[in-house]
């Protein structure tokens, strides 16, 4: 999903919250 967001033209900044260390 993160990589797919990288393909969206005009989208300059992508962030996410909150992760869990177990699944990172």
PDBML (XML) file of the C-alpha atoms, coordinates in Angstrom:
<?xml version="1.0" encoding="UTF-8" ?>
<PDBx:datablock datablockName="MODEL"
   xmlns:PDBx="http://pdbml.pdb.org/schema/pdbx-v50.xsd"
   xmlns:xsi="http://www.w3.org/2001/XMLSchema-instance"
   xsi:schemaLocation="http://pdbml.pdb.org/schema/pdbx-v50.xsd pdbx-v50.xsd">
   <PDBx:atom_siteCategory>
      <PDBx:atom_site id="1">
         <PDBx:B_iso_or_equiv>0.00</PDBx:B_iso_or_equiv>
         <PDBx:Cartn_x>0.000</PDBx:Cartn_x>
         <PDBx:Cartn_y>0.000</PDBx:Cartn_y>
         <PDBx:Cartn_z>0.000</PDBx:Cartn_z>
         <PDBx:auth_asym_id>A</PDBx:auth_asym_id>
         <PDBx:auth_atom_id>CA</PDBx:auth_atom_id>
         <PDBx:auth_comp_id>UNK</PDBx:auth_comp_id>
         <PDBx:auth_seq_id>1</PDBx:auth_seq_id>
         <PDBx:group_PDB>ATOM</PDBx:group_PDB>
         <PDBx:label_alt_id xsi:nil="true" />
         <PDBx:label_asym_id>A</PDBx:label_asym_id>
         <PDBx:label_atom_id>CA</PDBx:label_atom_id>
         <PDBx:label_comp_id>UNK</PDBx:label_comp_id>
         <PDBx:label_entity_id>1</PDBx:label_entity_id>
         <PDBx:label_seq_id>1</PDBx:label_seq_id>
         <PDBx:occupancy>1.00</PDBx:occupancy>
         <PDBx:pdbx_PDB_model_num>1</PDBx:pdbx_PDB_model_num>
         <PDBx:type_symbol>C</PDBx:type_symbol>
      </PDBx:atom_site>
      <PDBx:atom_site id="2">
         <PDBx:B_iso_or_equiv>0.00</PDBx:B_iso_or_equiv>
         <PDBx:Cartn_x>2.862</PDBx:Cartn_x>
         <PDBx:Cartn_y>2.399</PDBx:Cartn_y>
         <PDBx:Cartn_z>0.803</PDBx:Cartn_z>
         <PDBx:auth_asym_id>A</PDBx:auth_asym_id>
         <PDBx:auth_atom_id>CA</PDBx:auth_atom_id>
         <PDBx:auth_comp_id>UNK</PDBx:auth_comp_id>
         <PDBx:auth_seq_id>2</PDBx:auth_seq_id>
         <PDBx:group_PDB>ATOM</PDBx:group_PDB>
         <PDBx:label_alt_id xsi:nil="true" />
         <PDBx:label_asym_id>A</PDBx:label_asym_id>
         <PDBx:label_atom_id>CA</PDBx:label_atom_id>
         <PDBx:label_comp_id>UNK</PDBx:label_comp_id>
         <PDBx:label_entity_id>1</PDBx:label_entity_id>
         <PDBx:label_seq_id>2</PDBx:label_seq_id>
         <PDBx:occupancy>1.00</PDBx:occupancy>
         <PDBx:pdbx_PDB_model_num>1</PDBx:pdbx_PDB_model_num>
         <PDBx:type_symbol>C</PDBx:type_symbol>
      </PDBx:atom_site>
      <PDBx:atom_site id="3">
         <PDBx:B_iso_or_equiv>0.00</PDBx:B_iso_or_equiv>
         <PDBx:Cartn_x>4.497</PDBx:Cartn_x>
         <PDBx:Cartn_y>1.680</PDBx:Cartn_y>
         <PDBx:Cartn_z>-2.555</PDBx:Cartn_z>
         <PDBx:auth_asym_id>A</PDBx:auth_asym_id>
         <PDBx:auth_atom_id>CA</PDBx:auth_atom_id>
         <PDBx:auth_comp_id>UNK</PDBx:auth_comp_id>
         <PDBx:auth_seq_id>3</PDBx:auth_seq_id>
         <PDBx:group_PDB>ATOM</PDBx:group_PDB>
         <PDBx:label_alt_id xsi:nil="true" />
         <PDBx:label_asym_id>A</PDBx:label_asym_id>
         <PDBx:label_atom_id>CA</PDBx:label_atom_id>
         <PDBx:label_comp_id>UNK</PDBx:label_comp_id>
         <PDBx:label_entity_id>1</PDBx:label_entity_id>
         <PDBx:label_seq_id>3</PDBx:label_seq_id>
         <PDBx:occupancy>1.00</PDBx:occupancy>
         <PDBx:pdbx_PDB_model_num>1</PDBx:pdbx_PDB_model_num>
         <PDBx:type_symbol>C</PDBx:type_symbol>
      </PDBx:atom_site>
      <PDBx:atom_site id="4">
         <PDBx:B_iso_or_equiv>0.00</PDBx:B_iso_or_equiv>
         <PDBx:Cartn_x>1.171</PDBx:Cartn_x>
         <PDBx:Cartn_y>2.139</PDBx:Cartn_y>
         <PDBx:Cartn_z>-4.355</PDBx:Cartn_z>
         <PDBx:auth_asym_id>A</PDBx:auth_asym_id>
         <PDBx:auth_atom_id>CA</PDBx:auth_atom_id>
         <PDBx:auth_comp_id>UNK</PDBx:auth_comp_id>
         <PDBx:auth_seq_id>4</PDBx:auth_seq_id>
         <PDBx:group_PDB>ATOM</PDBx:group_PDB>
         <PDBx:label_alt_id xsi:nil="true" />
         <PDBx:label_asym_id>A</PDBx:label_asym_id>
         <PDBx:label_atom_id>CA</PDBx:label_atom_id>
         <PDBx:label_comp_id>UNK</PDBx:label_comp_id>
         <PDBx:label_entity_id>1</PDBx:label_entity_id>
         <PDBx:label_seq_id>4</PDBx:label_seq_id>
         <PDBx:occupancy>1.00</PDBx:occupancy>
         <PDBx:pdbx_PDB_model_num>1</PDBx:pdbx_PDB_model_num>
         <PDBx:type_symbol>C</PDBx:type_symbol>
      </PDBx:atom_site>
      <PDBx:atom_site id="5">
         <PDBx:B_iso_or_equiv>0.00</PDBx:B_iso_or_equiv>
         <PDBx:Cartn_x>0.787</PDBx:Cartn_x>
         <PDBx:Cartn_y>5.553</PDBx:Cartn_y>
         <PDBx:Cartn_z>-2.730</PDBx:Cartn_z>
         <PDBx:auth_asym_id>A</PDBx:auth_asym_id>
         <PDBx:auth_atom_id>CA</PDBx:auth_atom_id>
         <PDBx:auth_comp_id>UNK</PDBx:auth_comp_id>
         <PDBx:auth_seq_id>5</PDBx:auth_seq_id>
         <PDBx:group_PDB>ATOM</PDBx:group_PDB>
         <PDBx:label_alt_id xsi:nil="true" />
         <PDBx:label_asym_id>A</PDBx:label_asym_id>
         <PDBx:label_atom_id>CA</PDBx:label_atom_id>
         <PDBx:label_comp_id>UNK</PDBx:label_comp_id>
         <PDBx:label_entity_id>1</PDBx:label_entity_id>
         <PDBx:label_seq_id>5</PDBx:label_seq_id>
         <PDBx:occupancy>1.00</PDBx:occupancy>
         <PDBx:pdbx_PDB_model_num>1</PDBx:pdbx_PDB_model_num>
         <PDBx:type_symbol>C</PDBx:type_symbol>
      </PDBx:atom_site>
      <PDBx:atom_site id="6">
         <PDBx:B_iso_or_equiv>0.00</PDBx:B_iso_or_equiv>
         <PDBx:Cartn_x>4.149</PDBx:Cartn_x>
         <PDBx:Cartn_y>6.382</PDBx:Cartn_y>
         <PDBx:Cartn_z>-4.285</PDBx:Cartn_z>
         <PDBx:auth_asym_id>A</PDBx:auth_asym_id>
         <PDBx:auth_atom_id>CA</PDBx:auth_atom_id>
         <PDBx:auth_comp_id>UNK</PDBx:auth_comp_id>
         <PDBx:auth_seq_id>6</PDBx:auth_seq_id>
         <PDBx:group_PDB>ATOM</PDBx:group_PDB>
         <PDBx:label_alt_id xsi:nil="true" />
         <PDBx:label_asym_id>A</PDBx:label_asym_id>
         <PDBx:label_atom_id>CA</PDBx:label_atom_id>
         <PDBx:label_comp_id>UNK</PDBx:label_comp_id>
         <PDBx:label_entity_id>1</PDBx:label_entity_id>
         <PDBx:label_seq_id>6</PDBx:label_seq_id>
         <PDBx:occupancy>1.00</PDBx:occupancy>
         <PDBx:pdbx_PDB_model_num>1</PDBx:pdbx_PDB_model_num>
         <PDBx:type_symbol>C</PDBx:type_symbol>
      </PDBx:atom_site>
      <PDBx:atom_site id="7">
         <PDBx:B_iso_or_equiv>0.00</PDBx:B_iso_or_equiv>
         <PDBx:Cartn_x>2.592</PDBx:Cartn_x>
         <PDBx:Cartn_y>5.984</PDBx:Cartn_y>
         <PDBx:Cartn_z>-7.724</PDBx:Cartn_z>
         <PDBx:auth_asym_id>A</PDBx:auth_asym_id>
         <PDBx:auth_atom_id>CA</PDBx:auth_atom_id>
         <PDBx:auth_comp_id>UNK</PDBx:auth_comp_id>
         <PDBx:auth_seq_id>7</PDBx:auth_seq_id>
         <PDBx:group_PDB>ATOM</PDBx:group_PDB>
         <PDBx:label_alt_id xsi:nil="true" />
         <PDBx:label_asym_id>A</PDBx:label_asym_id>
         <PDBx:label_atom_id>CA</PDBx:label_atom_id>
         <PDBx:label_comp_id>UNK</PDBx:label_comp_id>
         <PDBx:label_entity_id>1</PDBx:label_entity_id>
         <PDBx:label_seq_id>7</PDBx:label_seq_id>
         <PDBx:occupancy>1.00</PDBx:occupancy>
         <PDBx:pdbx_PDB_model_num>1</PDBx:pdbx_PDB_model_num>
         <PDBx:type_symbol>C</PDBx:type_symbol>
      </PDBx:atom_site>
      <PDBx:atom_site id="8">
         <PDBx:B_iso_or_equiv>0.00</PDBx:B_iso_or_equiv>
         <PDBx:Cartn_x>-0.119</PDBx:Cartn_x>
         <PDBx:Cartn_y>8.616</PDBx:Cartn_y>
         <PDBx:Cartn_z>-7.156</PDBx:Cartn_z>
         <PDBx:auth_asym_id>A</PDBx:auth_asym_id>
         <PDBx:auth_atom_id>CA</PDBx:auth_atom_id>
         <PDBx:auth_comp_id>UNK</PDBx:auth_comp_id>
         <PDBx:auth_seq_id>8</PDBx:auth_seq_id>
         <PDBx:group_PDB>ATOM</PDBx:group_PDB>
         <PDBx:label_alt_id xsi:nil="true" />
         <PDBx:label_asym_id>A</PDBx:label_asym_id>
         <PDBx:label_atom_id>CA</PDBx:label_atom_id>
         <PDBx:label_comp_id>UNK</PDBx:label_comp_id>
         <PDBx:label_entity_id>1</PDBx:label_entity_id>
         <PDBx:label_seq_id>8</PDBx:label_seq_id>
         <PDBx:occupancy>1.00</PDBx:occupancy>
         <PDBx:pdbx_PDB_model_num>1</PDBx:pdbx_PDB_model_num>
         <PDBx:type_symbol>C</PDBx:type_symbol>
      </PDBx:atom_site>
      <PDBx:atom_site id="9">
         <PDBx:B_iso_or_equiv>0.00</PDBx:B_iso_or_equiv>
         <PDBx:Cartn_x>0.821</PDBx:Cartn_x>
         <PDBx:Cartn_y>11.741</PDBx:Cartn_y>
         <PDBx:Cartn_z>-9.066</PDBx:Cartn_z>
         <PDBx:auth_asym_id>A</PDBx:auth_asym_id>
         <PDBx:auth_atom_id>CA</PDBx:auth_atom_id>
         <PDBx:auth_comp_id>UNK</PDBx:auth_comp_id>
         <PDBx:auth_seq_id>9</PDBx:auth_seq_id>
         <PDBx:group_PDB>ATOM</PDBx:group_PDB>
         <PDBx:label_alt_id xsi:nil="true" />
         <PDBx:label_asym_id>A</PDBx:label_asym_id>
         <PDBx:label_atom_id>CA</PDBx:label_atom_id>
         <PDBx:label_comp_id>UNK</PDBx:label_comp_id>
         <PDBx:label_entity_id>1</PDBx:label_entity_id>
         <PDBx:label_seq_id>9</PDBx:label_seq_id>
         <PDBx:occupancy>1.00</PDBx:occupancy>
         <PDBx:pdbx_PDB_model_num>1</PDBx:pdbx_PDB_model_num>
         <PDBx:type_symbol>C</PDBx:type_symbol>
      </PDBx:atom_site>
      <PDBx:atom_site id="10">
         <PDBx:B_iso_or_equiv>0.00</PDBx:B_iso_or_equiv>
         <PDBx:Cartn_x>0.515</PDBx:Cartn_x>
         <PDBx:Cartn_y>14.920</PDBx:Cartn_y>
         <PDBx:Cartn_z>-7.036</PDBx:Cartn_z>
         <PDBx:auth_asym_id>A</PDBx:auth_asym_id>
         <PDBx:auth_atom_id>CA</PDBx:auth_atom_id>
         <PDBx:auth_comp_id>UNK</PDBx:auth_comp_id>
         <PDBx:auth_seq_id>10</PDBx:auth_seq_id>
         <PDBx:group_PDB>ATOM</PDBx:group_PDB>
         <PDBx:label_alt_id xsi:nil="true" />
         <PDBx:label_asym_id>A</PDBx:label_asym_id>
         <PDBx:label_atom_id>CA</PDBx:label_atom_id>
         <PDBx:label_comp_id>UNK</PDBx:label_comp_id>
         <PDBx:label_entity_id>1</PDBx:label_entity_id>
         <PDBx:label_seq_id>10</PDBx:label_seq_id>
         <PDBx:occupancy>1.00</PDBx:occupancy>
         <PDBx:pdbx_PDB_model_num>1</PDBx:pdbx_PDB_model_num>
         <PDBx:type_symbol>C</PDBx:type_symbol>
      </PDBx:atom_site>
      <PDBx:atom_site id="11">
         <PDBx:B_iso_or_equiv>0.00</PDBx:B_iso_or_equiv>
         <PDBx:Cartn_x>0.741</PDBx:Cartn_x>
         <PDBx:Cartn_y>13.193</PDBx:Cartn_y>
         <PDBx:Cartn_z>-3.653</PDBx:Cartn_z>
         <PDBx:auth_asym_id>A</PDBx:auth_asym_id>
         <PDBx:auth_atom_id>CA</PDBx:auth_atom_id>
         <PDBx:auth_comp_id>UNK</PDBx:auth_comp_id>
         <PDBx:auth_seq_id>11</PDBx:auth_seq_id>
         <PDBx:group_PDB>ATOM</PDBx:group_PDB>
         <PDBx:label_alt_id xsi:nil="true" />
         <PDBx:label_asym_id>A</PDBx:label_asym_id>
         <PDBx:label_atom_id>CA</PDBx:label_atom_id>
         <PDBx:label_comp_id>UNK</PDBx:label_comp_id>
         <PDBx:label_entity_id>1</PDBx:label_entity_id>
         <PDBx:label_seq_id>11</PDBx:label_seq_id>
         <PDBx:occupancy>1.00</PDBx:occupancy>
         <PDBx:pdbx_PDB_model_num>1</PDBx:pdbx_PDB_model_num>
         <PDBx:type_symbol>C</PDBx:type_symbol>
      </PDBx:atom_site>
      <PDBx:atom_site id="12">
         <PDBx:B_iso_or_equiv>0.00</PDBx:B_iso_or_equiv>
         <PDBx:Cartn_x>3.823</PDBx:Cartn_x>
         <PDBx:Cartn_y>14.727</PDBx:Cartn_y>
         <PDBx:Cartn_z>-2.031</PDBx:Cartn_z>
         <PDBx:auth_asym_id>A</PDBx:auth_asym_id>
         <PDBx:auth_atom_id>CA</PDBx:auth_atom_id>
         <PDBx:auth_comp_id>UNK</PDBx:auth_comp_id>
         <PDBx:auth_seq_id>12</PDBx:auth_seq_id>
         <PDBx:group_PDB>ATOM</PDBx:group_PDB>
         <PDBx:label_alt_id xsi:nil="true" />
         <PDBx:label_asym_id>A</PDBx:label_asym_id>
         <PDBx:label_atom_id>CA</PDBx:label_atom_id>
         <PDBx:label_comp_id>UNK</PDBx:label_comp_id>
         <PDBx:label_entity_id>1</PDBx:label_entity_id>
         <PDBx:label_seq_id>12</PDBx:label_seq_id>
         <PDBx:occupancy>1.00</PDBx:occupancy>
         <PDBx:pdbx_PDB_model_num>1</PDBx:pdbx_PDB_model_num>
         <PDBx:type_symbol>C</PDBx:type_symbol>
      </PDBx:atom_site>
      <PDBx:atom_site id="13">
         <PDBx:B_iso_or_equiv>0.00</PDBx:B_iso_or_equiv>
         <PDBx:Cartn_x>3.860</PDBx:Cartn_x>
         <PDBx:Cartn_y>13.355</PDBx:Cartn_y>
         <PDBx:Cartn_z>1.522</PDBx:Cartn_z>
         <PDBx:auth_asym_id>A</PDBx:auth_asym_id>
         <PDBx:auth_atom_id>CA</PDBx:auth_atom_id>
         <PDBx:auth_comp_id>UNK</PDBx:auth_comp_id>
         <PDBx:auth_seq_id>13</PDBx:auth_seq_id>
         <PDBx:group_PDB>ATOM</PDBx:group_PDB>
         <PDBx:label_alt_id xsi:nil="true" />
         <PDBx:label_asym_id>A</PDBx:label_asym_id>
         <PDBx:label_atom_id>CA</PDBx:label_atom_id>
         <PDBx:label_comp_id>UNK</PDBx:label_comp_id>
         <PDBx:label_entity_id>1</PDBx:label_entity_id>
         <PDBx:label_seq_id>13</PDBx:label_seq_id>
         <PDBx:occupancy>1.00</PDBx:occupancy>
         <PDBx:pdbx_PDB_model_num>1</PDBx:pdbx_PDB_model_num>
         <PDBx:type_symbol>C</PDBx:type_symbol>
      </PDBx:atom_site>
      <PDBx:atom_site id="14">
         <PDBx:B_iso_or_equiv>0.00</PDBx:B_iso_or_equiv>
         <PDBx:Cartn_x>2.670</PDBx:Cartn_x>
         <PDBx:Cartn_y>10.045</PDBx:Cartn_y>
         <PDBx:Cartn_z>2.946</PDBx:Cartn_z>
         <PDBx:auth_asym_id>A</PDBx:auth_asym_id>
         <PDBx:auth_atom_id>CA</PDBx:auth_atom_id>
         <PDBx:auth_comp_id>UNK</PDBx:auth_comp_id>
         <PDBx:auth_seq_id>14</PDBx:auth_seq_id>
         <PDBx:group_PDB>ATOM</PDBx:group_PDB>
         <PDBx:label_alt_id xsi:nil="true" />
         <PDBx:label_asym_id>A</PDBx:label_asym_id>
         <PDBx:label_atom_id>CA</PDBx:label_atom_id>
         <PDBx:label_comp_id>UNK</PDBx:label_comp_id>
         <PDBx:label_entity_id>1</PDBx:label_entity_id>
         <PDBx:label_seq_id>14</PDBx:label_seq_id>
         <PDBx:occupancy>1.00</PDBx:occupancy>
         <PDBx:pdbx_PDB_model_num>1</PDBx:pdbx_PDB_model_num>
         <PDBx:type_symbol>C</PDBx:type_symbol>
      </PDBx:atom_site>
      <PDBx:atom_site id="15">
         <PDBx:B_iso_or_equiv>0.00</PDBx:B_iso_or_equiv>
         <PDBx:Cartn_x>2.730</PDBx:Cartn_x>
         <PDBx:Cartn_y>9.275</PDBx:Cartn_y>
         <PDBx:Cartn_z>6.678</PDBx:Cartn_z>
         <PDBx:auth_asym_id>A</PDBx:auth_asym_id>
         <PDBx:auth_atom_id>CA</PDBx:auth_atom_id>
         <PDBx:auth_comp_id>UNK</PDBx:auth_comp_id>
         <PDBx:auth_seq_id>15</PDBx:auth_seq_id>
         <PDBx:group_PDB>ATOM</PDBx:group_PDB>
         <PDBx:label_alt_id xsi:nil="true" />
         <PDBx:label_asym_id>A</PDBx:label_asym_id>
         <PDBx:label_atom_id>CA</PDBx:label_atom_id>
         <PDBx:label_comp_id>UNK</PDBx:label_comp_id>
         <PDBx:label_entity_id>1</PDBx:label_entity_id>
         <PDBx:label_seq_id>15</PDBx:label_seq_id>
         <PDBx:occupancy>1.00</PDBx:occupancy>
         <PDBx:pdbx_PDB_model_num>1</PDBx:pdbx_PDB_model_num>
         <PDBx:type_symbol>C</PDBx:type_symbol>
      </PDBx:atom_site>
      <PDBx:atom_site id="16">
         <PDBx:B_iso_or_equiv>0.00</PDBx:B_iso_or_equiv>
         <PDBx:Cartn_x>1.148</PDBx:Cartn_x>
         <PDBx:Cartn_y>6.571</PDBx:Cartn_y>
         <PDBx:Cartn_z>8.828</PDBx:Cartn_z>
         <PDBx:auth_asym_id>A</PDBx:auth_asym_id>
         <PDBx:auth_atom_id>CA</PDBx:auth_atom_id>
         <PDBx:auth_comp_id>UNK</PDBx:auth_comp_id>
         <PDBx:auth_seq_id>16</PDBx:auth_seq_id>
         <PDBx:group_PDB>ATOM</PDBx:group_PDB>
         <PDBx:label_alt_id xsi:nil="true" />
         <PDBx:label_asym_id>A</PDBx:label_asym_id>
         <PDBx:label_atom_id>CA</PDBx:label_atom_id>
         <PDBx:label_comp_id>UNK</PDBx:label_comp_id>
         <PDBx:label_entity_id>1</PDBx:label_entity_id>
         <PDBx:label_seq_id>16</PDBx:label_seq_id>
         <PDBx:occupancy>1.00</PDBx:occupancy>
         <PDBx:pdbx_PDB_model_num>1</PDBx:pdbx_PDB_model_num>
         <PDBx:type_symbol>C</PDBx:type_symbol>
      </PDBx:atom_site>
      <PDBx:atom_site id="17">
         <PDBx:B_iso_or_equiv>0.00</PDBx:B_iso_or_equiv>
         <PDBx:Cartn_x>0.240</PDBx:Cartn_x>
         <PDBx:Cartn_y>6.061</PDBx:Cartn_y>
         <PDBx:Cartn_z>12.475</PDBx:Cartn_z>
         <PDBx:auth_asym_id>A</PDBx:auth_asym_id>
         <PDBx:auth_atom_id>CA</PDBx:auth_atom_id>
         <PDBx:auth_comp_id>UNK</PDBx:auth_comp_id>
         <PDBx:auth_seq_id>17</PDBx:auth_seq_id>
         <PDBx:group_PDB>ATOM</PDBx:group_PDB>
         <PDBx:label_alt_id xsi:nil="true" />
         <PDBx:label_asym_id>A</PDBx:label_asym_id>
         <PDBx:label_atom_id>CA</PDBx:label_atom_id>
         <PDBx:label_comp_id>UNK</PDBx:label_comp_id>
         <PDBx:label_entity_id>1</PDBx:label_entity_id>
         <PDBx:label_seq_id>17</PDBx:label_seq_id>
         <PDBx:occupancy>1.00</PDBx:occupancy>
         <PDBx:pdbx_PDB_model_num>1</PDBx:pdbx_PDB_model_num>
         <PDBx:type_symbol>C</PDBx:type_symbol>
      </PDBx:atom_site>
      <PDBx:atom_site id="18">
         <PDBx:B_iso_or_equiv>0.00</PDBx:B_iso_or_equiv>
         <PDBx:Cartn_x>0.466</PDBx:Cartn_x>
         <PDBx:Cartn_y>4.089</PDBx:Cartn_y>
         <PDBx:Cartn_z>14.659</PDBx:Cartn_z>
         <PDBx:auth_asym_id>A</PDBx:auth_asym_id>
         <PDBx:auth_atom_id>CA</PDBx:auth_atom_id>
         <PDBx:auth_comp_id>UNK</PDBx:auth_comp_id>
         <PDBx:auth_seq_id>18</PDBx:auth_seq_id>
         <PDBx:group_PDB>ATOM</PDBx:group_PDB>
         <PDBx:label_alt_id xsi:nil="true" />
         <PDBx:label_asym_id>A</PDBx:label_asym_id>
         <PDBx:label_atom_id>CA</PDBx:label_atom_id>
         <PDBx:label_comp_id>UNK</PDBx:label_comp_id>
         <PDBx:label_entity_id>1</PDBx:label_entity_id>
         <PDBx:label_seq_id>18</PDBx:label_seq_id>
         <PDBx:occupancy>1.00</PDBx:occupancy>
         <PDBx:pdbx_PDB_model_num>1</PDBx:pdbx_PDB_model_num>
         <PDBx:type_symbol>C</PDBx:type_symbol>
      </PDBx:atom_site>
      <PDBx:atom_site id="19">
         <PDBx:B_iso_or_equiv>0.00</PDBx:B_iso_or_equiv>
         <PDBx:Cartn_x>2.405</PDBx:Cartn_x>
         <PDBx:Cartn_y>0.895</PDBx:Cartn_y>
         <PDBx:Cartn_z>14.032</PDBx:Cartn_z>
         <PDBx:auth_asym_id>A</PDBx:auth_asym_id>
         <PDBx:auth_atom_id>CA</PDBx:auth_atom_id>
         <PDBx:auth_comp_id>UNK</PDBx:auth_comp_id>
         <PDBx:auth_seq_id>19</PDBx:auth_seq_id>
         <PDBx:group_PDB>ATOM</PDBx:group_PDB>
         <PDBx:label_alt_id xsi:nil="true" />
         <PDBx:label_asym_id>A</PDBx:label_asym_id>
         <PDBx:label_atom_id>CA</PDBx:label_atom_id>
         <PDBx:label_comp_id>UNK</PDBx:label_comp_id>
         <PDBx:label_entity_id>1</PDBx:label_entity_id>
         <PDBx:label_seq_id>19</PDBx:label_seq_id>
         <PDBx:occupancy>1.00</PDBx:occupancy>
         <PDBx:pdbx_PDB_model_num>1</PDBx:pdbx_PDB_model_num>
         <PDBx:type_symbol>C</PDBx:type_symbol>
      </PDBx:atom_site>
      <PDBx:atom_site id="20">
         <PDBx:B_iso_or_equiv>0.00</PDBx:B_iso_or_equiv>
         <PDBx:Cartn_x>3.125</PDBx:Cartn_x>
         <PDBx:Cartn_y>-1.921</PDBx:Cartn_y>
         <PDBx:Cartn_z>16.504</PDBx:Cartn_z>
         <PDBx:auth_asym_id>A</PDBx:auth_asym_id>
         <PDBx:auth_atom_id>CA</PDBx:auth_atom_id>
         <PDBx:auth_comp_id>UNK</PDBx:auth_comp_id>
         <PDBx:auth_seq_id>20</PDBx:auth_seq_id>
         <PDBx:group_PDB>ATOM</PDBx:group_PDB>
         <PDBx:label_alt_id xsi:nil="true" />
         <PDBx:label_asym_id>A</PDBx:label_asym_id>
         <PDBx:label_atom_id>CA</PDBx:label_atom_id>
         <PDBx:label_comp_id>UNK</PDBx:label_comp_id>
         <PDBx:label_entity_id>1</PDBx:label_entity_id>
         <PDBx:label_seq_id>20</PDBx:label_seq_id>
         <PDBx:occupancy>1.00</PDBx:occupancy>
         <PDBx:pdbx_PDB_model_num>1</PDBx:pdbx_PDB_model_num>
         <PDBx:type_symbol>C</PDBx:type_symbol>
      </PDBx:atom_site>
      <PDBx:atom_site id="21">
         <PDBx:B_iso_or_equiv>0.00</PDBx:B_iso_or_equiv>
         <PDBx:Cartn_x>6.655</PDBx:Cartn_x>
         <PDBx:Cartn_y>-3.306</PDBx:Cartn_y>
         <PDBx:Cartn_z>16.901</PDBx:Cartn_z>
         <PDBx:auth_asym_id>A</PDBx:auth_asym_id>
         <PDBx:auth_atom_id>CA</PDBx:auth_atom_id>
         <PDBx:auth_comp_id>UNK</PDBx:auth_comp_id>
         <PDBx:auth_seq_id>21</PDBx:auth_seq_id>
         <PDBx:group_PDB>ATOM</PDBx:group_PDB>
         <PDBx:label_alt_id xsi:nil="true" />
         <PDBx:label_asym_id>A</PDBx:label_asym_id>
         <PDBx:label_atom_id>CA</PDBx:label_atom_id>
         <PDBx:label_comp_id>UNK</PDBx:label_comp_id>
         <PDBx:label_entity_id>1</PDBx:label_entity_id>
         <PDBx:label_seq_id>21</PDBx:label_seq_id>
         <PDBx:occupancy>1.00</PDBx:occupancy>
         <PDBx:pdbx_PDB_model_num>1</PDBx:pdbx_PDB_model_num>
         <PDBx:type_symbol>C</PDBx:type_symbol>
      </PDBx:atom_site>
      <PDBx:atom_site id="22">
         <PDBx:B_iso_or_equiv>0.00</PDBx:B_iso_or_equiv>
         <PDBx:Cartn_x>5.338</PDBx:Cartn_x>
         <PDBx:Cartn_y>-6.871</PDBx:Cartn_y>
         <PDBx:Cartn_z>16.664</PDBx:Cartn_z>
         <PDBx:auth_asym_id>A</PDBx:auth_asym_id>
         <PDBx:auth_atom_id>CA</PDBx:auth_atom_id>
         <PDBx:auth_comp_id>UNK</PDBx:auth_comp_id>
         <PDBx:auth_seq_id>22</PDBx:auth_seq_id>
         <PDBx:group_PDB>ATOM</PDBx:group_PDB>
         <PDBx:label_alt_id xsi:nil="true" />
         <PDBx:label_asym_id>A</PDBx:label_asym_id>
         <PDBx:label_atom_id>CA</PDBx:label_atom_id>
         <PDBx:label_comp_id>UNK</PDBx:label_comp_id>
         <PDBx:label_entity_id>1</PDBx:label_entity_id>
         <PDBx:label_seq_id>22</PDBx:label_seq_id>
         <PDBx:occupancy>1.00</PDBx:occupancy>
         <PDBx:pdbx_PDB_model_num>1</PDBx:pdbx_PDB_model_num>
         <PDBx:type_symbol>C</PDBx:type_symbol>
      </PDBx:atom_site>
      <PDBx:atom_site id="23">
         <PDBx:B_iso_or_equiv>0.00</PDBx:B_iso_or_equiv>
         <PDBx:Cartn_x>4.109</PDBx:Cartn_x>
         <PDBx:Cartn_y>-6.338</PDBx:Cartn_y>
         <PDBx:Cartn_z>13.113</PDBx:Cartn_z>
         <PDBx:auth_asym_id>A</PDBx:auth_asym_id>
         <PDBx:auth_atom_id>CA</PDBx:auth_atom_id>
         <PDBx:auth_comp_id>UNK</PDBx:auth_comp_id>
         <PDBx:auth_seq_id>23</PDBx:auth_seq_id>
         <PDBx:group_PDB>ATOM</PDBx:group_PDB>
         <PDBx:label_alt_id xsi:nil="true" />
         <PDBx:label_asym_id>A</PDBx:label_asym_id>
         <PDBx:label_atom_id>CA</PDBx:label_atom_id>
         <PDBx:label_comp_id>UNK</PDBx:label_comp_id>
         <PDBx:label_entity_id>1</PDBx:label_entity_id>
         <PDBx:label_seq_id>23</PDBx:label_seq_id>
         <PDBx:occupancy>1.00</PDBx:occupancy>
         <PDBx:pdbx_PDB_model_num>1</PDBx:pdbx_PDB_model_num>
         <PDBx:type_symbol>C</PDBx:type_symbol>
      </PDBx:atom_site>
      <PDBx:atom_site id="24">
         <PDBx:B_iso_or_equiv>0.00</PDBx:B_iso_or_equiv>
         <PDBx:Cartn_x>6.843</PDBx:Cartn_x>
         <PDBx:Cartn_y>-3.998</PDBx:Cartn_y>
         <PDBx:Cartn_z>11.894</PDBx:Cartn_z>
         <PDBx:auth_asym_id>A</PDBx:auth_asym_id>
         <PDBx:auth_atom_id>CA</PDBx:auth_atom_id>
         <PDBx:auth_comp_id>UNK</PDBx:auth_comp_id>
         <PDBx:auth_seq_id>24</PDBx:auth_seq_id>
         <PDBx:group_PDB>ATOM</PDBx:group_PDB>
         <PDBx:label_alt_id xsi:nil="true" />
         <PDBx:label_asym_id>A</PDBx:label_asym_id>
         <PDBx:label_atom_id>CA</PDBx:label_atom_id>
         <PDBx:label_comp_id>UNK</PDBx:label_comp_id>
         <PDBx:label_entity_id>1</PDBx:label_entity_id>
         <PDBx:label_seq_id>24</PDBx:label_seq_id>
         <PDBx:occupancy>1.00</PDBx:occupancy>
         <PDBx:pdbx_PDB_model_num>1</PDBx:pdbx_PDB_model_num>
         <PDBx:type_symbol>C</PDBx:type_symbol>
      </PDBx:atom_site>
   </PDBx:atom_siteCategory>
</PDBx:datablock>
